[in-house]
N, C-alpha and C. Protein backbone atom coordinates (compact mmCIF):
# COMPACT_ATOMS: atom_id res chain seq x y z
N UNK A 1 0.84 -1.17 0.00
CA UNK A 1 0.00 0.00 0.00
C UNK A 1 0.89 1.24 0.00
N UNK A 2 0.35 2.34 -0.51
CA UNK A 2 1.11 3.57 -0.60
C UNK A 2 1.39 4.17 0.76
N UNK A 3 2.28 5.17 0.77
CA UNK A 3 2.68 5.79 2.03
C UNK A 3 1.51 6.45 2.75
N UNK A 4 0.54 6.97 2.02
CA UNK A 4 -0.60 7.63 2.63
C UNK A 4 -1.77 6.69 2.89
N UNK A 5 -1.70 5.48 2.41
CA UNK A 5 -2.78 4.53 2.59
C UNK A 5 -2.50 3.63 3.79
N UNK A 6 -3.51 3.39 4.61
CA UNK A 6 -3.29 2.47 5.73
C UNK A 6 -3.09 1.04 5.21
N UNK A 7 -2.42 0.24 6.00
CA UNK A 7 -2.14 -1.15 5.62
C UNK A 7 -3.28 -2.06 6.06
N UNK A 8 -4.42 -1.47 6.38
CA UNK A 8 -5.56 -2.25 6.84
C UNK A 8 -6.86 -1.60 6.37
N UNK A 9 -7.92 -2.36 6.43
CA UNK A 9 -9.24 -1.84 6.08
C UNK A 9 -10.30 -2.68 6.79
N UNK A 10 -11.49 -2.12 6.85
CA UNK A 10 -12.63 -2.81 7.45
C UNK A 10 -13.87 -2.45 6.66
N UNK A 11 -14.65 -3.46 6.37
CA UNK A 11 -15.91 -3.27 5.65
C UNK A 11 -17.00 -3.97 6.44
N UNK A 12 -18.15 -3.33 6.57
CA UNK A 12 -19.27 -3.96 7.26
C UNK A 12 -20.43 -4.14 6.28
N UNK A 13 -21.18 -5.19 6.50
CA UNK A 13 -22.41 -5.43 5.74
C UNK A 13 -23.31 -6.32 6.57
N UNK A 14 -24.56 -6.38 6.20
CA UNK A 14 -25.50 -7.26 6.88
C UNK A 14 -25.85 -8.37 5.92
N UNK A 15 -25.78 -9.60 6.39
CA UNK A 15 -26.14 -10.77 5.59
C UNK A 15 -26.69 -11.84 6.51
N UNK A 16 -27.74 -12.47 6.09
CA UNK A 16 -28.32 -13.59 6.83
C UNK A 16 -28.63 -13.20 8.29
N UNK A 17 -29.03 -11.96 8.51
CA UNK A 17 -29.37 -11.51 9.84
C UNK A 17 -28.19 -11.19 10.73
N UNK A 18 -26.98 -11.24 10.21
CA UNK A 18 -25.77 -10.97 11.01
C UNK A 18 -25.03 -9.77 10.43
N UNK A 19 -24.32 -9.08 11.31
CA UNK A 19 -23.39 -8.05 10.85
C UNK A 19 -22.08 -8.75 10.51
N UNK A 20 -21.66 -8.61 9.28
CA UNK A 20 -20.40 -9.20 8.83
C UNK A 20 -19.35 -8.09 8.85
N UNK A 21 -18.27 -8.32 9.58
CA UNK A 21 -17.16 -7.38 9.63
C UNK A 21 -15.99 -8.03 8.90
N UNK A 22 -15.66 -7.50 7.73
CA UNK A 22 -14.56 -8.04 6.94
C UNK A 22 -13.32 -7.21 7.23
N UNK A 23 -12.30 -7.84 7.77
CA UNK A 23 -11.03 -7.17 8.05
C UNK A 23 -10.05 -7.50 6.93
N UNK A 24 -9.25 -6.51 6.56
CA UNK A 24 -8.28 -6.67 5.47
C UNK A 24 -6.93 -6.13 5.92
N UNK A 25 -5.87 -6.82 5.53
CA UNK A 25 -4.52 -6.31 5.74
C UNK A 25 -3.94 -6.62 7.10
N UNK A 26 -3.19 -5.66 7.63
CA UNK A 26 -2.41 -5.85 8.85
C UNK A 26 -3.18 -5.39 10.08
N UNK A 27 -3.46 -6.32 10.97
CA UNK A 27 -4.16 -6.00 12.22
C UNK A 27 -3.11 -5.83 13.32
N UNK A 28 -2.62 -4.60 13.41
CA UNK A 28 -1.58 -4.26 14.38
C UNK A 28 -2.09 -3.12 15.26
N UNK A 29 -1.18 -2.45 15.96
CA UNK A 29 -1.59 -1.41 16.91
C UNK A 29 -2.31 -0.25 16.22
N UNK A 30 -1.86 0.13 15.04
CA UNK A 30 -2.52 1.22 14.32
C UNK A 30 -3.94 0.81 13.92
N UNK A 31 -4.07 -0.42 13.43
CA UNK A 31 -5.41 -0.91 13.07
C UNK A 31 -6.32 -0.95 14.29
N UNK A 32 -5.78 -1.41 15.41
CA UNK A 32 -6.59 -1.47 16.64
C UNK A 32 -7.07 -0.07 17.02
N UNK A 33 -6.20 0.91 16.96
CA UNK A 33 -6.57 2.28 17.33
C UNK A 33 -7.61 2.87 16.39
N UNK A 34 -7.47 2.59 15.11
CA UNK A 34 -8.39 3.15 14.12
C UNK A 34 -9.71 2.39 14.03
N UNK A 35 -9.63 1.07 14.08
CA UNK A 35 -10.82 0.24 13.87
C UNK A 35 -11.58 -0.06 15.16
N UNK A 36 -10.90 0.03 16.29
CA UNK A 36 -11.54 -0.27 17.57
C UNK A 36 -12.84 0.47 17.80
N UNK A 37 -12.86 1.81 17.64
CA UNK A 37 -14.11 2.53 17.84
C UNK A 37 -15.23 2.11 16.88
N UNK A 38 -14.88 1.79 15.64
CA UNK A 38 -15.90 1.32 14.68
C UNK A 38 -16.46 -0.02 15.10
N UNK A 39 -15.57 -0.93 15.54
CA UNK A 39 -16.05 -2.24 16.00
C UNK A 39 -16.88 -2.10 17.27
N UNK A 40 -16.47 -1.19 18.16
CA UNK A 40 -17.24 -0.95 19.37
C UNK A 40 -18.66 -0.50 19.01
N UNK A 41 -18.77 0.41 18.05
CA UNK A 41 -20.08 0.91 17.64
C UNK A 41 -20.94 -0.22 17.08
N UNK A 42 -20.34 -1.13 16.33
CA UNK A 42 -21.10 -2.24 15.76
C UNK A 42 -21.56 -3.22 16.84
N UNK A 43 -20.77 -3.40 17.88
CA UNK A 43 -21.16 -4.33 18.93
C UNK A 43 -22.16 -3.70 19.90
N UNK A 44 -22.46 -2.42 19.74
CA UNK A 44 -23.46 -1.74 20.58
C UNK A 44 -24.82 -1.65 19.91
N UNK A 45 -24.93 -2.00 18.66
CA UNK A 45 -26.14 -1.77 17.88
C UNK A 45 -27.35 -2.60 18.31
N UNK A 46 -27.17 -3.50 19.24
CA UNK A 46 -28.29 -4.33 19.64
C UNK A 46 -28.46 -5.57 18.78
N UNK A 47 -27.64 -5.73 17.78
CA UNK A 47 -27.67 -6.95 16.98
C UNK A 47 -27.04 -8.07 17.79
N UNK A 48 -27.63 -9.22 17.76
CA UNK A 48 -27.13 -10.32 18.57
C UNK A 48 -26.16 -11.22 17.83
N UNK A 49 -25.87 -10.94 16.57
CA UNK A 49 -25.06 -11.86 15.77
C UNK A 49 -24.04 -11.08 14.96
N UNK A 50 -22.75 -11.33 15.23
CA UNK A 50 -21.66 -10.69 14.48
C UNK A 50 -20.71 -11.77 13.99
N UNK A 51 -20.27 -11.61 12.75
CA UNK A 51 -19.27 -12.50 12.16
C UNK A 51 -18.08 -11.63 11.77
N UNK A 52 -16.90 -11.97 12.27
CA UNK A 52 -15.68 -11.27 11.89
C UNK A 52 -14.92 -12.16 10.91
N UNK A 53 -14.75 -11.66 9.70
CA UNK A 53 -14.12 -12.42 8.62
C UNK A 53 -12.63 -12.08 8.56
N UNK A 54 -11.78 -13.05 8.85
CA UNK A 54 -10.33 -12.85 8.87
C UNK A 54 -9.63 -13.35 7.59
N UNK A 55 -10.37 -13.77 6.60
CA UNK A 55 -9.75 -14.39 5.42
C UNK A 55 -8.79 -13.47 4.68
N UNK A 56 -8.98 -12.16 4.78
CA UNK A 56 -8.09 -11.22 4.06
C UNK A 56 -7.09 -10.53 4.99
N UNK A 57 -6.98 -11.02 6.22
CA UNK A 57 -5.99 -10.47 7.14
C UNK A 57 -4.64 -11.10 6.80
N UNK A 58 -3.62 -10.25 6.63
CA UNK A 58 -2.29 -10.73 6.25
C UNK A 58 -1.32 -10.77 7.43
N UNK A 59 -1.66 -10.06 8.51
CA UNK A 59 -0.78 -9.97 9.67
C UNK A 59 -1.64 -9.75 10.90
N UNK A 60 -1.29 -10.45 11.98
CA UNK A 60 -2.03 -10.31 13.23
C UNK A 60 -1.03 -10.34 14.37
N UNK A 61 -1.05 -9.31 15.21
CA UNK A 61 -0.18 -9.30 16.38
C UNK A 61 -1.03 -9.16 17.64
N UNK A 62 -0.40 -8.88 18.77
CA UNK A 62 -1.12 -8.78 20.04
C UNK A 62 -2.21 -7.71 20.01
N UNK A 63 -1.96 -6.62 19.31
CA UNK A 63 -2.97 -5.56 19.22
C UNK A 63 -4.18 -6.03 18.41
N UNK A 64 -3.93 -6.76 17.34
CA UNK A 64 -5.03 -7.33 16.56
C UNK A 64 -5.83 -8.34 17.37
N UNK A 65 -5.12 -9.15 18.16
CA UNK A 65 -5.81 -10.09 19.04
C UNK A 65 -6.66 -9.35 20.06
N UNK A 66 -6.13 -8.26 20.59
CA UNK A 66 -6.87 -7.45 21.57
C UNK A 66 -8.15 -6.90 20.94
N UNK A 67 -8.09 -6.49 19.69
CA UNK A 67 -9.27 -6.00 18.97
C UNK A 67 -10.34 -7.09 18.90
N UNK A 68 -9.93 -8.30 18.56
CA UNK A 68 -10.87 -9.43 18.47
C UNK A 68 -11.42 -9.80 19.84
N UNK A 69 -10.56 -9.83 20.83
CA UNK A 69 -11.00 -10.20 22.19
C UNK A 69 -11.96 -9.16 22.77
N UNK A 70 -11.73 -7.89 22.45
CA UNK A 70 -12.63 -6.85 22.93
C UNK A 70 -14.02 -7.03 22.30
N UNK A 71 -14.06 -7.32 21.02
CA UNK A 71 -15.35 -7.56 20.36
C UNK A 71 -16.05 -8.76 20.99
N UNK A 72 -15.29 -9.81 21.28
CA UNK A 72 -15.85 -11.00 21.91
C UNK A 72 -16.43 -10.66 23.28
N UNK A 73 -15.67 -9.93 24.08
CA UNK A 73 -16.12 -9.56 25.42
C UNK A 73 -17.41 -8.73 25.36
N UNK A 74 -17.45 -7.76 24.46
CA UNK A 74 -18.63 -6.91 24.33
C UNK A 74 -19.85 -7.72 23.92
N UNK A 75 -19.68 -8.68 23.04
CA UNK A 75 -20.81 -9.50 22.61
C UNK A 75 -21.28 -10.42 23.73
N UNK A 76 -20.34 -11.00 24.46
CA UNK A 76 -20.72 -11.86 25.59
C UNK A 76 -21.49 -11.07 26.65
N UNK A 77 -21.06 -9.85 26.92
CA UNK A 77 -21.74 -9.01 27.92
C UNK A 77 -23.16 -8.65 27.49
N UNK A 78 -23.41 -8.65 26.19
CA UNK A 78 -24.73 -8.30 25.67
C UNK A 78 -25.56 -9.53 25.31
N UNK A 79 -25.04 -10.70 25.60
CA UNK A 79 -25.76 -11.93 25.28
C UNK A 79 -25.81 -12.23 23.80
N UNK A 80 -24.87 -11.65 23.05
CA UNK A 80 -24.86 -11.83 21.61
C UNK A 80 -24.03 -13.03 21.18
N UNK A 81 -23.91 -13.17 19.90
CA UNK A 81 -23.19 -14.28 19.29
C UNK A 81 -22.09 -13.72 18.40
N UNK A 82 -20.88 -14.24 18.55
CA UNK A 82 -19.76 -13.82 17.72
C UNK A 82 -19.11 -15.05 17.11
N UNK A 83 -18.98 -15.01 15.79
CA UNK A 83 -18.26 -16.07 15.08
C UNK A 83 -17.11 -15.43 14.32
N UNK A 84 -16.06 -16.20 14.09
CA UNK A 84 -14.89 -15.72 13.36
C UNK A 84 -14.65 -16.66 12.19
N UNK A 85 -14.55 -16.08 11.00
CA UNK A 85 -14.20 -16.88 9.82
C UNK A 85 -12.69 -17.03 9.81
N UNK A 86 -12.24 -18.27 9.77
CA UNK A 86 -10.82 -18.62 9.86
C UNK A 86 -9.99 -17.85 8.84
N UNK A 87 -8.85 -17.35 9.30
CA UNK A 87 -7.92 -16.63 8.43
C UNK A 87 -6.91 -17.57 7.81
N UNK A 88 -5.92 -16.97 7.14
CA UNK A 88 -4.85 -17.76 6.54
C UNK A 88 -4.08 -18.47 7.65
N UNK A 89 -3.25 -19.42 7.27
CA UNK A 89 -2.55 -20.28 8.25
C UNK A 89 -1.75 -19.47 9.28
N UNK A 90 -1.03 -18.44 8.85
CA UNK A 90 -0.21 -17.69 9.81
C UNK A 90 -1.06 -16.92 10.81
N UNK A 91 -2.25 -16.47 10.42
CA UNK A 91 -3.17 -15.78 11.34
C UNK A 91 -3.74 -16.78 12.33
N UNK A 92 -4.16 -17.92 11.84
CA UNK A 92 -4.67 -18.97 12.73
C UNK A 92 -3.60 -19.43 13.71
N UNK A 93 -2.37 -19.52 13.24
CA UNK A 93 -1.26 -19.94 14.10
C UNK A 93 -1.03 -18.94 15.24
N UNK A 94 -1.10 -17.64 14.95
CA UNK A 94 -0.94 -16.62 15.99
C UNK A 94 -2.03 -16.79 17.05
N UNK A 95 -3.26 -17.01 16.62
CA UNK A 95 -4.36 -17.20 17.57
C UNK A 95 -4.14 -18.45 18.42
N UNK A 96 -3.67 -19.51 17.79
CA UNK A 96 -3.44 -20.76 18.50
C UNK A 96 -2.29 -20.63 19.50
N UNK A 97 -1.17 -20.05 19.07
CA UNK A 97 0.01 -19.90 19.93
C UNK A 97 -0.30 -18.96 21.11
N UNK A 98 -1.11 -17.94 20.86
CA UNK A 98 -1.48 -17.01 21.93
C UNK A 98 -2.49 -17.63 22.90
N UNK A 99 -3.04 -18.77 22.52
CA UNK A 99 -3.99 -19.46 23.40
C UNK A 99 -5.39 -18.88 23.39
N UNK A 100 -5.74 -18.12 22.34
CA UNK A 100 -7.07 -17.52 22.30
C UNK A 100 -8.01 -18.17 21.28
N UNK A 101 -7.50 -19.07 20.47
CA UNK A 101 -8.32 -19.68 19.43
C UNK A 101 -9.57 -20.34 20.01
N UNK A 102 -9.42 -21.01 21.14
CA UNK A 102 -10.56 -21.73 21.72
C UNK A 102 -11.60 -20.78 22.32
N UNK A 103 -11.28 -19.50 22.46
CA UNK A 103 -12.23 -18.53 22.99
C UNK A 103 -13.28 -18.13 21.96
N UNK A 104 -13.04 -18.46 20.70
CA UNK A 104 -13.92 -18.05 19.60
C UNK A 104 -14.61 -19.25 18.97
N UNK A 105 -15.79 -19.00 18.43
CA UNK A 105 -16.44 -19.96 17.56
C UNK A 105 -15.89 -19.69 16.17
N UNK A 106 -15.06 -20.60 15.68
CA UNK A 106 -14.39 -20.39 14.39
C UNK A 106 -15.05 -21.25 13.34
N UNK A 107 -15.37 -20.61 12.21
CA UNK A 107 -15.98 -21.29 11.08
C UNK A 107 -15.06 -21.14 9.88
N UNK A 108 -15.18 -22.05 8.93
CA UNK A 108 -14.32 -21.99 7.75
C UNK A 108 -14.83 -21.02 6.68
N UNK A 109 -16.13 -20.77 6.67
CA UNK A 109 -16.71 -19.87 5.68
C UNK A 109 -18.05 -19.38 6.19
N UNK A 110 -18.50 -18.31 5.61
CA UNK A 110 -19.83 -17.79 5.92
C UNK A 110 -20.54 -17.62 4.60
N UNK A 111 -21.79 -18.05 4.51
CA UNK A 111 -22.50 -17.95 3.23
C UNK A 111 -22.57 -16.51 2.74
N UNK A 112 -22.38 -16.33 1.46
CA UNK A 112 -22.51 -14.99 0.89
C UNK A 112 -23.98 -14.63 0.79
N UNK A 113 -24.25 -13.37 0.62
CA UNK A 113 -25.63 -12.91 0.51
C UNK A 113 -26.31 -13.58 -0.67
N UNK A 114 -25.59 -13.74 -1.77
CA UNK A 114 -26.16 -14.31 -2.98
C UNK A 114 -26.73 -15.70 -2.74
N UNK A 115 -26.05 -16.54 -1.99
CA UNK A 115 -26.54 -17.90 -1.78
C UNK A 115 -27.69 -17.95 -0.77
N UNK A 116 -27.92 -16.85 -0.07
CA UNK A 116 -28.97 -16.81 0.93
C UNK A 116 -30.22 -16.08 0.46
N UNK A 117 -30.17 -15.45 -0.69
CA UNK A 117 -31.33 -14.70 -1.16
C UNK A 117 -32.43 -15.67 -1.57
N UNK A 118 -33.64 -15.30 -1.28
CA UNK A 118 -34.80 -16.13 -1.64
C UNK A 118 -35.43 -15.56 -2.88
N UNK A 119 -35.84 -16.43 -3.80
CA UNK A 119 -36.49 -16.00 -5.03
C UNK A 119 -37.76 -15.25 -4.74
N UNK A 120 -38.22 -14.40 -5.65
CA UNK A 120 -39.31 -13.50 -5.39
C UNK A 120 -40.66 -14.17 -5.14
N UNK A 121 -40.96 -15.29 -5.79
CA UNK A 121 -42.29 -15.84 -5.65
C UNK A 121 -42.32 -17.29 -5.19
N UNK A 122 -41.35 -18.06 -5.59
CA UNK A 122 -41.46 -19.48 -5.33
C UNK A 122 -40.66 -19.96 -4.12
N UNK A 123 -39.95 -19.04 -3.44
CA UNK A 123 -39.19 -19.43 -2.27
C UNK A 123 -37.91 -20.17 -2.60
N UNK A 124 -37.54 -20.26 -3.87
CA UNK A 124 -36.32 -20.97 -4.23
C UNK A 124 -35.12 -20.11 -3.90
N UNK A 125 -33.97 -20.78 -3.69
CA UNK A 125 -32.73 -20.07 -3.42
C UNK A 125 -32.13 -19.64 -4.74
N UNK A 126 -31.72 -18.36 -4.80
CA UNK A 126 -31.13 -17.82 -6.02
C UNK A 126 -29.75 -18.36 -6.25
C-alpha cells in the first residue's frame, strides 16, 4: 500500500441476519486504534449476531488479538453471538500460539448474501 494509505481496512455489511465485519490487511496497533471505535459501535447496535471475517488479514499481532477479544467480550456481555471466519494459516497460528483460538467460535466460511437470497415468488434459493 502507498505511504498515505493504511495497511488495513474494514468493511461492514449485513447478511443472513448478522453483521459481517470483513477485516483486510495488517491487524496491528494502528489498526486497533483506528478500527476499535468502529467495531465498538457495531457491537453496541443491539444486533445479537456478528461475524468477523479474517480471510483477508495478512498480519495479526497482540494488538489485533486485543481487537478481536474486545469484540468477543462486548458481545458476551450483551448476550450476543460472535463467530470468526478462519484466516490464513499464519493468522490462525498466531491465535493458537497465543492461546485464544478456543475462545472463539471459528468457522471456515460464511455464506454470501447471494446464496442466501430467496427467489421472489417461489421461495427458491437464487
